[in-house]
Amino acid sequence: MVTYRVICEKIINNALGKYTAYGICAYSNETGKELAHISDIFLNQDDATAFADKCNSFNVELVHLPVIIEDCLLEQQPTSI
């Protein structure tokens, strides 16, 4: 099994400047080792925490994490008229 945790990152981007972003790390419950590290997903810590909590409560398999992140980000996109 995997446990997902939020990570906070200070990022410097040539086009955007400095900002704080939140990513997700996946850890093995058996060994405690980091299995995956996906940076710069969320700009809001509450959104990142809610996402990690959902992944943990639904026991998301690591293989599905990239698609779930993509779906989450697409849902957050404003709709254009």
Protein backbone atom coordinates (compact mmCIF):
# COMPACT_ATOMS: atom_id res chain seq x y z
CA MET A 1 0.00 0.00 0.00
CA VAL A 2 0.93 3.62 -0.49
CA THR A 3 0.51 6.73 1.63
CA TYR A 4 0.30 10.12 -0.04
CA ARG A 5 1.62 13.29 1.59
CA VAL A 6 1.71 16.93 0.59
CA ILE A 7 5.05 18.58 -0.06
CA CYS A 8 5.63 22.35 -0.03
CA GLU A 9 8.09 23.77 -2.52
CA LYS A 10 9.55 27.21 -3.15
CA ILE A 11 9.91 27.53 -6.91
CA ILE A 12 11.74 30.08 -9.02
CA ASN A 13 10.60 30.25 -12.62
CA ASN A 14 12.11 32.64 -15.17
CA ALA A 15 8.69 33.54 -16.58
CA LEU A 16 6.65 33.51 -13.35
CA GLY A 17 9.15 34.54 -10.70
CA LYS A 18 9.12 33.08 -7.17
CA TYR A 19 6.09 31.23 -5.86
CA THR A 20 5.05 28.52 -3.43
CA ALA A 21 3.61 25.33 -4.87
CA TYR A 22 2.44 22.05 -3.41
CA GLY A 23 3.09 18.59 -4.76
CA ILE A 24 2.43 15.01 -3.76
CA CYS A 25 4.84 12.35 -2.55
CA ALA A 26 3.94 8.69 -2.41
CA TYR A 27 5.54 6.50 0.26
CA SER A 28 5.57 2.75 0.69
CA ASN A 29 3.73 1.68 3.82
CA GLU A 30 6.01 -1.34 4.08
CA THR A 31 9.41 0.37 3.82
CA GLY A 32 8.64 4.05 4.29
CA LYS A 33 10.64 4.82 1.14
CA GLU A 34 9.57 7.49 -1.29
CA LEU A 35 8.08 5.88 -4.40
CA ALA A 36 7.10 8.98 -6.35
CA HIS A 37 7.48 12.74 -6.13
CA ILE A 38 5.29 14.97 -8.29
CA SER A 39 6.03 18.67 -7.96
CA ASP A 40 4.11 21.86 -8.59
CA ILE A 41 0.56 20.55 -8.81
CA PHE A 42 -1.34 22.97 -6.59
CA LEU A 43 -0.94 26.60 -5.55
CA ASN A 44 -3.24 26.18 -2.55
CA GLN A 45 -2.23 24.02 0.40
CA ASP A 46 -5.84 23.16 1.28
CA ASP A 47 -6.43 21.81 -2.23
CA ALA A 48 -3.28 19.71 -2.02
CA THR A 49 -4.23 18.35 1.40
CA ALA A 50 -7.74 17.48 0.24
CA PHE A 51 -6.29 15.69 -2.78
CA ALA A 52 -3.82 13.66 -0.70
CA ASP A 53 -6.56 12.80 1.80
CA LYS A 54 -8.81 11.52 -1.00
CA CYS A 55 -5.99 9.46 -2.49
CA ASN A 56 -5.35 7.91 0.92
CA SER A 57 -9.01 7.26 1.71
CA PHE A 58 -9.57 5.58 -1.69
CA ASN A 59 -6.27 3.64 -1.51
CA VAL A 60 -5.24 4.94 -4.92
CA GLU A 61 -2.67 2.72 -6.60
CA LEU A 62 0.47 4.56 -7.61
CA VAL A 63 0.07 3.56 -11.26
CA HIS A 64 -3.16 5.61 -11.41
CA LEU A 65 -1.83 8.76 -9.73
CA PRO A 66 -0.79 10.70 -12.87
CA VAL A 67 -4.22 10.28 -14.48
CA ILE A 68 -6.00 11.24 -11.26
CA ILE A 69 -3.85 14.38 -10.98
CA GLU A 70 -4.62 15.26 -14.59
CA ASP A 71 -8.36 14.79 -14.01
CA CYS A 72 -8.20 16.94 -10.89
CA LEU A 73 -6.40 19.75 -12.71
CA LEU A 74 -8.83 19.62 -15.62
CA GLU A 75 -11.74 19.97 -13.19
CA GLN A 76 -10.13 23.12 -11.74
CA GLN A 77 -9.74 24.80 -15.15
CA PRO A 78 -12.13 27.70 -15.68
CA THR A 79 -14.54 27.14 -18.53
CA SER A 80 -14.29 29.59 -21.38
CA ILE A 81 -17.32 31.10 -23.03
